[in-house]
Amino acid sequence: MLDDLWEEIILDDVGIPKPNKENKCKIVLSTHFLQVSNAMDADMQFKVKTLGSDKAWNLFHEKAGEVVVWPDIQALAVEVVKECDGLPLAIITVGRAMRGKERKEVWLDALRVLKELAVPEIEGMEPKVFRSLKLSYDCLEEDNIKLYFLYCALYPEDYVIDVSD
């Protein structure tokens, strides 16, 4: 299983035998980029679908908590979920960021960010996911936590960061 490939890899270079009938190997890969699966001669390709509105709402409700069904908040929460466009990462990130936010103004601001924030072009990054991550970052209440987050972003994914660093 090769997960989250951003570019083609040469299987021989990483010690993986090319799948064939003799070795009975199979490889499953996931990528955001059609050209990666094409370059790796994928036998089958399919796009993972986004969540339907009911599943998206249930996931958001689970992550954001009971505040989403409050009379002042519910209509805004529904709009926030729509802006996440069924993307699980966006729904989870925004839901966690909005957990415990009880003021209507905070929800209005979150909705504004999700709708209007200018998004830089980042290959493989859905604009809706970028907006949800930005909102999540902005919801970090302490500057030192924001600094920790930015520092950790300097390291590669899954890198073990020593506490002394």
N, C-alpha and C. Protein backbone atom coordinates (compact mmCIF):
# COMPACT_ATOMS: atom_id res chain seq x y z
N MET A 1 0.86 -1.17 0.00
CA MET A 1 0.00 0.00 0.00
C MET A 1 0.90 1.23 0.00
N LEU A 2 0.76 2.04 -1.02
CA LEU A 2 1.49 3.30 -1.13
C LEU A 2 0.47 4.43 -1.02
N ASP A 3 0.55 5.20 0.04
CA ASP A 3 -0.47 6.20 0.32
C ASP A 3 0.04 7.61 0.06
N ASP A 4 -0.82 8.43 -0.53
CA ASP A 4 -0.59 9.87 -0.69
C ASP A 4 0.64 10.18 -1.54
N LEU A 5 0.74 9.54 -2.70
CA LEU A 5 1.86 9.81 -3.60
C LEU A 5 1.64 11.14 -4.31
N TRP A 6 2.69 11.94 -4.37
CA TRP A 6 2.63 13.23 -5.05
C TRP A 6 3.36 13.18 -6.39
N GLU A 7 4.16 12.14 -6.57
CA GLU A 7 4.86 11.97 -7.84
C GLU A 7 5.14 10.49 -8.04
N GLU A 8 5.45 10.14 -9.29
CA GLU A 8 5.74 8.75 -9.62
C GLU A 8 6.97 8.29 -8.85
N ILE A 9 6.92 7.05 -8.38
CA ILE A 9 8.13 6.46 -7.81
C ILE A 9 8.48 5.23 -8.65
N ILE A 10 9.75 4.98 -8.77
CA ILE A 10 10.23 3.80 -9.49
C ILE A 10 10.29 2.67 -8.46
N LEU A 11 9.46 1.68 -8.64
CA LEU A 11 9.33 0.60 -7.65
C LEU A 11 10.67 -0.09 -7.38
N ASP A 12 11.45 -0.35 -8.43
CA ASP A 12 12.76 -0.99 -8.24
C ASP A 12 13.68 -0.17 -7.33
N ASP A 13 13.57 1.16 -7.43
CA ASP A 13 14.43 2.04 -6.63
C ASP A 13 14.16 1.93 -5.13
N VAL A 14 12.95 1.53 -4.79
CA VAL A 14 12.61 1.40 -3.36
C VAL A 14 12.46 -0.05 -2.93
N GLY A 15 12.89 -0.97 -3.81
CA GLY A 15 12.92 -2.38 -3.45
C GLY A 15 11.60 -3.11 -3.52
N ILE A 16 10.67 -2.59 -4.31
CA ILE A 16 9.38 -3.25 -4.46
C ILE A 16 9.36 -3.90 -5.84
N PRO A 17 9.11 -5.20 -5.89
CA PRO A 17 9.06 -5.85 -7.21
C PRO A 17 7.83 -5.40 -7.99
N LYS A 18 8.00 -5.25 -9.31
CA LYS A 18 6.87 -4.89 -10.15
C LYS A 18 5.87 -6.05 -10.13
N PRO A 19 4.61 -5.78 -9.85
CA PRO A 19 3.62 -6.85 -9.77
C PRO A 19 3.48 -7.61 -11.09
N ASN A 20 3.39 -8.93 -10.98
CA ASN A 20 3.12 -9.77 -12.15
C ASN A 20 2.49 -11.07 -11.68
N LYS A 21 2.13 -11.92 -12.62
CA LYS A 21 1.45 -13.18 -12.27
C LYS A 21 2.35 -14.12 -11.49
N GLU A 22 3.66 -14.07 -11.76
CA GLU A 22 4.58 -14.98 -11.09
C GLU A 22 4.76 -14.64 -9.61
N ASN A 23 4.98 -13.37 -9.31
CA ASN A 23 5.24 -13.01 -7.91
C ASN A 23 3.94 -12.74 -7.12
N LYS A 24 2.82 -12.67 -7.81
CA LYS A 24 1.50 -12.49 -7.21
C LYS A 24 1.40 -11.23 -6.36
N CYS A 25 2.26 -10.26 -6.64
CA CYS A 25 2.22 -8.98 -5.91
C CYS A 25 1.09 -8.11 -6.45
N LYS A 26 0.54 -7.34 -5.57
CA LYS A 26 -0.43 -6.31 -5.94
C LYS A 26 -0.05 -5.05 -5.18
N ILE A 27 -0.25 -3.93 -5.82
CA ILE A 27 0.05 -2.66 -5.18
C ILE A 27 -1.21 -1.79 -5.25
N VAL A 28 -1.55 -1.21 -4.12
CA VAL A 28 -2.64 -0.25 -4.07
C VAL A 28 -1.98 1.09 -3.77
N LEU A 29 -2.31 2.09 -4.57
CA LEU A 29 -1.74 3.41 -4.30
C LEU A 29 -2.85 4.44 -4.26
N SER A 30 -2.62 5.47 -3.48
CA SER A 30 -3.57 6.58 -3.44
C SER A 30 -2.81 7.85 -3.79
N THR A 31 -3.48 8.69 -4.55
CA THR A 31 -2.88 9.95 -4.98
C THR A 31 -3.98 10.92 -5.35
N HIS A 32 -3.67 12.18 -5.28
CA HIS A 32 -4.59 13.23 -5.74
C HIS A 32 -4.40 13.50 -7.23
N PHE A 33 -3.37 12.92 -7.82
CA PHE A 33 -2.96 13.30 -9.16
C PHE A 33 -3.13 12.14 -10.14
N LEU A 34 -3.99 12.33 -11.12
CA LEU A 34 -4.22 11.33 -12.13
C LEU A 34 -2.94 10.98 -12.87
N GLN A 35 -2.08 11.97 -13.11
CA GLN A 35 -0.84 11.71 -13.85
C GLN A 35 0.09 10.77 -13.09
N VAL A 36 0.01 10.74 -11.77
CA VAL A 36 0.85 9.82 -10.99
C VAL A 36 0.38 8.39 -11.22
N SER A 37 -0.91 8.15 -11.12
CA SER A 37 -1.38 6.78 -11.33
C SER A 37 -1.18 6.35 -12.78
N ASN A 38 -1.31 7.28 -13.72
CA ASN A 38 -1.04 6.94 -15.13
C ASN A 38 0.43 6.57 -15.32
N ALA A 39 1.33 7.36 -14.74
CA ALA A 39 2.77 7.11 -14.89
C ALA A 39 3.17 5.78 -14.26
N MET A 40 2.44 5.36 -13.26
CA MET A 40 2.77 4.10 -12.58
C MET A 40 1.99 2.92 -13.16
N ASP A 41 1.38 3.12 -14.31
CA ASP A 41 0.66 2.06 -15.03
C ASP A 41 -0.40 1.36 -14.18
N ALA A 42 -1.19 2.15 -13.49
CA ALA A 42 -2.25 1.57 -12.66
C ALA A 42 -3.24 0.81 -13.54
N ASP A 43 -3.62 -0.39 -13.11
CA ASP A 43 -4.58 -1.20 -13.85
C ASP A 43 -6.00 -0.66 -13.70
N MET A 44 -6.31 -0.17 -12.51
CA MET A 44 -7.65 0.37 -12.24
C MET A 44 -7.50 1.70 -11.52
N GLN A 45 -8.42 2.61 -11.81
CA GLN A 45 -8.44 3.90 -11.14
C GLN A 45 -9.87 4.21 -10.75
N PHE A 46 -10.04 4.79 -9.58
CA PHE A 46 -11.35 5.28 -9.23
C PHE A 46 -11.19 6.46 -8.29
N LYS A 47 -12.14 7.36 -8.39
CA LYS A 47 -12.12 8.57 -7.57
C LYS A 47 -12.95 8.32 -6.31
N VAL A 48 -12.41 8.68 -5.19
CA VAL A 48 -13.13 8.54 -3.93
C VAL A 48 -14.15 9.68 -3.87
N LYS A 49 -15.38 9.31 -3.60
CA LYS A 49 -16.46 10.30 -3.58
C LYS A 49 -16.45 11.08 -2.27
N THR A 50 -17.00 12.27 -2.34
CA THR A 50 -17.16 13.08 -1.14
C THR A 50 -18.38 12.59 -0.36
N LEU A 51 -18.53 13.09 0.85
CA LEU A 51 -19.66 12.68 1.69
C LEU A 51 -20.94 13.35 1.24
N GLY A 52 -22.04 12.61 1.34
CA GLY A 52 -23.35 13.19 1.10
C GLY A 52 -23.72 14.15 2.23
N SER A 53 -24.78 14.92 2.02
CA SER A 53 -25.11 15.97 2.99
C SER A 53 -25.41 15.43 4.38
N ASP A 54 -26.12 14.29 4.48
CA ASP A 54 -26.43 13.74 5.82
C ASP A 54 -25.17 13.27 6.54
N LYS A 55 -24.31 12.54 5.83
CA LYS A 55 -23.07 12.06 6.46
C LYS A 55 -22.15 13.22 6.80
N ALA A 56 -22.11 14.22 5.93
CA ALA A 56 -21.28 15.40 6.20
C ALA A 56 -21.77 16.11 7.46
N TRP A 57 -23.09 16.29 7.58
CA TRP A 57 -23.65 16.95 8.77
C TRP A 57 -23.37 16.14 10.03
N ASN A 58 -23.56 14.82 9.97
CA ASN A 58 -23.32 13.98 11.15
C ASN A 58 -21.86 14.04 11.59
N LEU A 59 -20.94 14.00 10.64
CA LEU A 59 -19.52 14.10 10.97
C LEU A 59 -19.20 15.45 11.59
N PHE A 60 -19.74 16.51 11.01
CA PHE A 60 -19.51 17.86 11.54
C PHE A 60 -20.08 17.98 12.94
N HIS A 61 -21.29 17.50 13.13
CA HIS A 61 -21.95 17.55 14.44
C HIS A 61 -21.10 16.82 15.48
N GLU A 62 -20.58 15.65 15.10
CA GLU A 62 -19.73 14.87 16.00
C GLU A 62 -18.48 15.66 16.40
N LYS A 63 -17.86 16.35 15.45
CA LYS A 63 -16.61 17.06 15.71
C LYS A 63 -16.84 18.40 16.40
N ALA A 64 -17.91 19.11 16.03
CA ALA A 64 -18.15 20.46 16.57
C ALA A 64 -18.94 20.43 17.88
N GLY A 65 -19.70 19.38 18.10
CA GLY A 65 -20.46 19.28 19.34
C GLY A 65 -21.87 19.83 19.23
N GLU A 66 -22.55 19.83 20.35
CA GLU A 66 -23.97 20.18 20.40
C GLU A 66 -24.27 21.63 20.06
N VAL A 67 -23.28 22.48 20.06
CA VAL A 67 -23.51 23.88 19.74
C VAL A 67 -24.12 24.04 18.34
N VAL A 68 -23.87 23.07 17.46
CA VAL A 68 -24.37 23.20 16.08
C VAL A 68 -25.89 23.09 15.97
N VAL A 69 -26.55 22.59 16.99
CA VAL A 69 -28.01 22.50 16.94
C VAL A 69 -28.70 23.59 17.75
N TRP A 70 -27.93 24.51 18.29
CA TRP A 70 -28.51 25.65 18.99
C TRP A 70 -29.27 26.51 17.97
N PRO A 71 -30.40 27.08 18.36
CA PRO A 71 -31.21 27.87 17.41
C PRO A 71 -30.43 29.02 16.74
N ASP A 72 -29.58 29.72 17.48
CA ASP A 72 -28.83 30.85 16.90
C ASP A 72 -27.75 30.38 15.92
N ILE A 73 -27.29 29.16 16.09
CA ILE A 73 -26.10 28.67 15.38
C ILE A 73 -26.45 27.71 14.24
N GLN A 74 -27.51 26.96 14.34
CA GLN A 74 -27.75 25.84 13.42
C GLN A 74 -27.73 26.24 11.95
N ALA A 75 -28.40 27.31 11.58
CA ALA A 75 -28.44 27.72 10.17
C ALA A 75 -27.03 28.06 9.67
N LEU A 76 -26.24 28.70 10.52
CA LEU A 76 -24.86 29.02 10.15
C LEU A 76 -24.02 27.76 10.04
N ALA A 77 -24.23 26.83 10.97
CA ALA A 77 -23.48 25.57 10.95
C ALA A 77 -23.78 24.79 9.67
N VAL A 78 -25.03 24.80 9.25
CA VAL A 78 -25.41 24.12 8.00
C VAL A 78 -24.67 24.75 6.82
N GLU A 79 -24.58 26.06 6.79
CA GLU A 79 -23.86 26.76 5.72
C GLU A 79 -22.36 26.44 5.77
N VAL A 80 -21.81 26.35 6.96
CA VAL A 80 -20.39 26.00 7.12
C VAL A 80 -20.14 24.62 6.53
N VAL A 81 -21.02 23.67 6.84
CA VAL A 81 -20.87 22.31 6.32
C VAL A 81 -20.95 22.32 4.80
N LYS A 82 -21.86 23.09 4.23
CA LYS A 82 -21.97 23.18 2.77
C LYS A 82 -20.67 23.69 2.16
N GLU A 83 -20.03 24.64 2.82
CA GLU A 83 -18.77 25.19 2.31
C GLU A 83 -17.65 24.16 2.33
N CYS A 84 -17.77 23.16 3.18
CA CYS A 84 -16.76 22.09 3.23
C CYS A 84 -16.91 21.12 2.07
N ASP A 85 -18.01 21.21 1.37
CA ASP A 85 -18.20 20.52 0.08
C ASP A 85 -18.05 18.99 0.16
N GLY A 86 -18.42 18.41 1.32
CA GLY A 86 -18.36 16.96 1.45
C GLY A 86 -16.97 16.39 1.64
N LEU A 87 -15.96 17.25 1.77
CA LEU A 87 -14.58 16.79 1.93
C LEU A 87 -14.33 16.45 3.41
N PRO A 88 -14.08 15.17 3.73
CA PRO A 88 -13.93 14.78 5.13
C PRO A 88 -12.86 15.57 5.88
N LEU A 89 -11.70 15.80 5.27
CA LEU A 89 -10.66 16.55 5.97
C LEU A 89 -11.13 17.96 6.33
N ALA A 90 -11.81 18.61 5.40
CA ALA A 90 -12.32 19.95 5.67
C ALA A 90 -13.37 19.92 6.78
N ILE A 91 -14.27 18.96 6.73
CA ILE A 91 -15.34 18.86 7.73
C ILE A 91 -14.75 18.62 9.12
N ILE A 92 -13.82 17.70 9.22
CA ILE A 92 -13.21 17.38 10.52
C ILE A 92 -12.43 18.57 11.05
N THR A 93 -11.64 19.19 10.19
CA THR A 93 -10.80 20.32 10.62
C THR A 93 -11.66 21.49 11.10
N VAL A 94 -12.65 21.85 10.31
CA VAL A 94 -13.53 22.97 10.68
C VAL A 94 -14.36 22.60 11.90
N GLY A 95 -14.86 21.39 11.94
CA GLY A 95 -15.65 20.98 13.10
C GLY A 95 -14.87 21.08 14.40
N ARG A 96 -13.64 20.61 14.38
CA ARG A 96 -12.80 20.71 15.59
C ARG A 96 -12.50 22.17 15.92
N ALA A 97 -12.28 22.97 14.90
CA ALA A 97 -11.97 24.39 15.14
C ALA A 97 -13.17 25.12 15.75
N MET A 98 -14.38 24.70 15.38
CA MET A 98 -15.58 25.40 15.85
C MET A 98 -16.16 24.81 17.13
N ARG A 99 -15.58 23.73 17.59
CA ARG A 99 -16.08 23.08 18.82
C ARG A 99 -16.05 24.09 19.98
N GLY A 100 -17.17 24.22 20.64
CA GLY A 100 -17.26 25.09 21.80
C GLY A 100 -17.41 26.57 21.47
N LYS A 101 -17.48 26.92 20.20
CA LYS A 101 -17.66 28.33 19.81
C LYS A 101 -19.15 28.64 19.90
N GLU A 102 -19.50 29.46 20.88
CA GLU A 102 -20.91 29.69 21.19
C GLU A 102 -21.44 31.02 20.65
N ARG A 103 -20.55 31.90 20.21
CA ARG A 103 -20.99 33.21 19.74
C ARG A 103 -21.30 33.19 18.25
N LYS A 104 -22.47 33.73 17.90
CA LYS A 104 -22.92 33.77 16.52
C LYS A 104 -21.91 34.51 15.63
N GLU A 105 -21.26 35.54 16.16
CA GLU A 105 -20.30 36.33 15.38
C GLU A 105 -19.10 35.48 14.94
N VAL A 106 -18.70 34.56 15.79
CA VAL A 106 -17.58 33.67 15.46
C VAL A 106 -17.97 32.78 14.29
N TRP A 107 -19.20 32.29 14.29
CA TRP A 107 -19.69 31.44 13.21
C TRP A 107 -19.82 32.24 11.91
N LEU A 108 -20.29 33.47 12.02
CA LEU A 108 -20.39 34.33 10.83
C LEU A 108 -19.01 34.58 10.23
N ASP A 109 -18.04 34.83 11.10
CA ASP A 109 -16.67 35.05 10.63
C ASP A 109 -16.10 33.79 9.98
N ALA A 110 -16.34 32.65 10.57
CA ALA A 110 -15.86 31.38 10.00
C ALA A 110 -16.48 31.17 8.61
N LEU A 111 -17.74 31.45 8.49
CA LEU A 111 -18.42 31.29 7.20
C LEU A 111 -17.82 32.25 6.16
N ARG A 112 -17.53 33.46 6.58
CA ARG A 112 -16.91 34.43 5.68
C ARG A 112 -15.55 33.93 5.20
N VAL A 113 -14.74 33.41 6.11
CA VAL A 113 -13.42 32.88 5.74
C VAL A 113 -13.56 31.73 4.76
N LEU A 114 -14.49 30.84 5.02
CA LEU A 114 -14.67 29.67 4.15
C LEU A 114 -15.17 30.05 2.76
N LYS A 115 -15.88 31.16 2.66
CA LYS A 115 -16.42 31.58 1.36
C LYS A 115 -15.48 32.50 0.59
N GLU A 116 -14.76 33.37 1.31
CA GLU A 116 -14.11 34.49 0.63
C GLU A 116 -12.60 34.49 0.65
N LEU A 117 -11.97 33.71 1.50
CA LEU A 117 -10.52 33.77 1.61
C LEU A 117 -9.85 33.47 0.27
N ALA A 118 -8.97 34.36 -0.15
CA ALA A 118 -8.20 34.11 -1.37
C ALA A 118 -7.26 32.94 -1.11
N VAL A 119 -7.19 32.03 -2.05
CA VAL A 119 -6.42 30.81 -1.87
C VAL A 119 -5.25 30.79 -2.84
N PRO A 120 -4.04 30.61 -2.32
CA PRO A 120 -2.90 30.48 -3.24
C PRO A 120 -3.00 29.16 -3.99
N GLU A 121 -2.43 29.13 -5.18
CA GLU A 121 -2.44 27.88 -5.95
C GLU A 121 -1.38 26.94 -5.40
N ILE A 122 -1.82 25.84 -4.83
CA ILE A 122 -0.93 24.82 -4.29
C ILE A 122 -1.34 23.51 -4.97
N GLU A 123 -0.43 22.93 -5.71
CA GLU A 123 -0.75 21.71 -6.44
C GLU A 123 -1.22 20.63 -5.47
N GLY A 124 -2.36 20.04 -5.80
CA GLY A 124 -2.90 18.95 -4.99
C GLY A 124 -3.72 19.41 -3.80
N MET A 125 -3.84 20.71 -3.59
CA MET A 125 -4.58 21.24 -2.44
C MET A 125 -5.89 21.83 -2.92
N GLU A 126 -6.98 21.21 -2.49
CA GLU A 126 -8.31 21.74 -2.80
C GLU A 126 -8.46 23.08 -2.09
N PRO A 127 -9.00 24.11 -2.78
CA PRO A 127 -9.21 25.41 -2.11
C PRO A 127 -10.04 25.30 -0.85
N LYS A 128 -11.05 24.44 -0.85
CA LYS A 128 -11.91 24.30 0.34
C LYS A 128 -11.10 23.72 1.51
N VAL A 129 -10.18 22.81 1.23
CA VAL A 129 -9.35 22.24 2.29
C VAL A 129 -8.40 23.31 2.82
N PHE A 130 -7.81 24.10 1.92
CA PHE A 130 -6.92 25.18 2.36
C PHE A 130 -7.66 26.14 3.28
N ARG A 131 -8.86 26.55 2.87
CA ARG A 131 -9.64 27.48 3.69
C ARG A 131 -9.95 26.88 5.06
N SER A 132 -10.27 25.59 5.09
CA SER A 132 -10.59 24.97 6.38
C SER A 132 -9.35 24.89 7.27
N LEU A 133 -8.20 24.61 6.69
CA LEU A 133 -6.96 24.58 7.48
C LEU A 133 -6.61 25.97 8.00
N LYS A 134 -6.81 26.99 7.16
CA LYS A 134 -6.54 28.37 7.57
C LYS A 134 -7.46 28.77 8.71
N LEU A 135 -8.72 28.41 8.60
CA LEU A 135 -9.67 28.71 9.67
C LEU A 135 -9.25 28.00 10.95
N SER A 136 -8.85 26.76 10.84
CA SER A 136 -8.42 25.99 12.01
C SER A 136 -7.21 26.66 12.67
N TYR A 137 -6.26 27.07 11.85
CA TYR A 137 -5.07 27.76 12.37
C TYR A 137 -5.48 29.05 13.08
N ASP A 138 -6.34 29.83 12.44
CA ASP A 138 -6.78 31.10 13.02
C ASP A 138 -7.52 30.91 14.34
N CYS A 139 -8.14 29.74 14.51
CA CYS A 139 -8.88 29.48 15.75
C CYS A 139 -7.97 29.07 16.91
N LEU A 140 -6.70 28.81 16.63
CA LEU A 140 -5.77 28.55 17.73
C LEU A 140 -5.66 29.84 18.53
N GLU A 141 -5.97 29.77 19.80
CA GLU A 141 -6.15 31.00 20.57
C GLU A 141 -4.86 31.59 21.12
N GLU A 142 -3.84 30.80 21.27
CA GLU A 142 -2.60 31.32 21.85
C GLU A 142 -1.51 31.40 20.79
N ASP A 143 -0.77 32.50 20.81
CA ASP A 143 0.29 32.71 19.82
C ASP A 143 1.37 31.64 19.89
N ASN A 144 1.69 31.17 21.11
CA ASN A 144 2.73 30.15 21.21
C ASN A 144 2.29 28.83 20.56
N ILE A 145 1.00 28.52 20.62
CA ILE A 145 0.51 27.31 19.96
C ILE A 145 0.60 27.48 18.45
N LYS A 146 0.30 28.65 17.95
CA LYS A 146 0.44 28.92 16.51
C LYS A 146 1.91 28.76 16.09
N LEU A 147 2.81 29.24 16.92
CA LEU A 147 4.24 29.11 16.61
C LEU A 147 4.67 27.64 16.61
N TYR A 148 4.17 26.86 17.57
CA TYR A 148 4.48 25.42 17.59
C TYR A 148 3.99 24.75 16.31
N PHE A 149 2.77 25.10 15.92
CA PHE A 149 2.21 24.54 14.71
C PHE A 149 3.08 24.88 13.49
N LEU A 150 3.44 26.13 13.36
CA LEU A 150 4.27 26.55 12.22
C LEU A 150 5.64 25.89 12.25
N TYR A 151 6.20 25.73 13.43
CA TYR A 151 7.50 25.06 13.56
C TYR A 151 7.40 23.60 13.11
N CYS A 152 6.36 22.92 13.56
CA CYS A 152 6.17 21.52 13.18
C CYS A 152 5.96 21.37 11.67
N ALA A 153 5.37 22.37 11.05
CA ALA A 153 5.14 22.32 9.61
C ALA A 153 6.44 22.34 8.81
N LEU A 154 7.54 22.70 9.45
CA LEU A 154 8.84 22.70 8.77
C LEU A 154 9.39 21.29 8.57
N TYR A 155 8.87 20.34 9.35
CA TYR A 155 9.37 18.97 9.28
C TYR A 155 8.54 18.15 8.29
N PRO A 156 9.14 17.12 7.73
CA PRO A 156 8.38 16.25 6.81
C PRO A 156 7.28 15.50 7.56
N GLU A 157 6.28 15.07 6.79
CA GLU A 157 5.18 14.29 7.37
C GLU A 157 5.72 13.05 8.07
N ASP A 158 5.16 12.76 9.23
CA ASP A 158 5.48 11.58 10.05
C ASP A 158 6.89 11.63 10.66
N TYR A 159 7.59 12.73 10.57
CA TYR A 159 8.90 12.88 11.17
C TYR A 159 8.75 12.95 12.68
N VAL A 160 9.60 12.26 13.39
CA VAL A 160 9.56 12.29 14.85
C VAL A 160 10.38 13.49 15.31
N ILE A 161 9.71 14.46 15.92
CA ILE A 161 10.37 15.68 16.37
C ILE A 161 10.77 15.50 17.82
N ASP A 162 12.04 15.65 18.09
CA ASP A 162 12.55 15.51 19.45
C ASP A 162 12.01 16.66 20.30
N VAL A 163 11.59 16.37 21.52
CA VAL A 163 11.01 17.36 22.41
C VAL A 163 11.97 18.52 22.64
N SER A 164 13.27 18.25 22.70
CA SER A 164 14.24 19.33 22.93
C SER A 164 14.27 20.31 21.76
N ASP A 165 13.90 19.85 20.57
CA ASP A 165 13.82 20.76 19.42
C ASP A 165 12.66 21.71 19.56
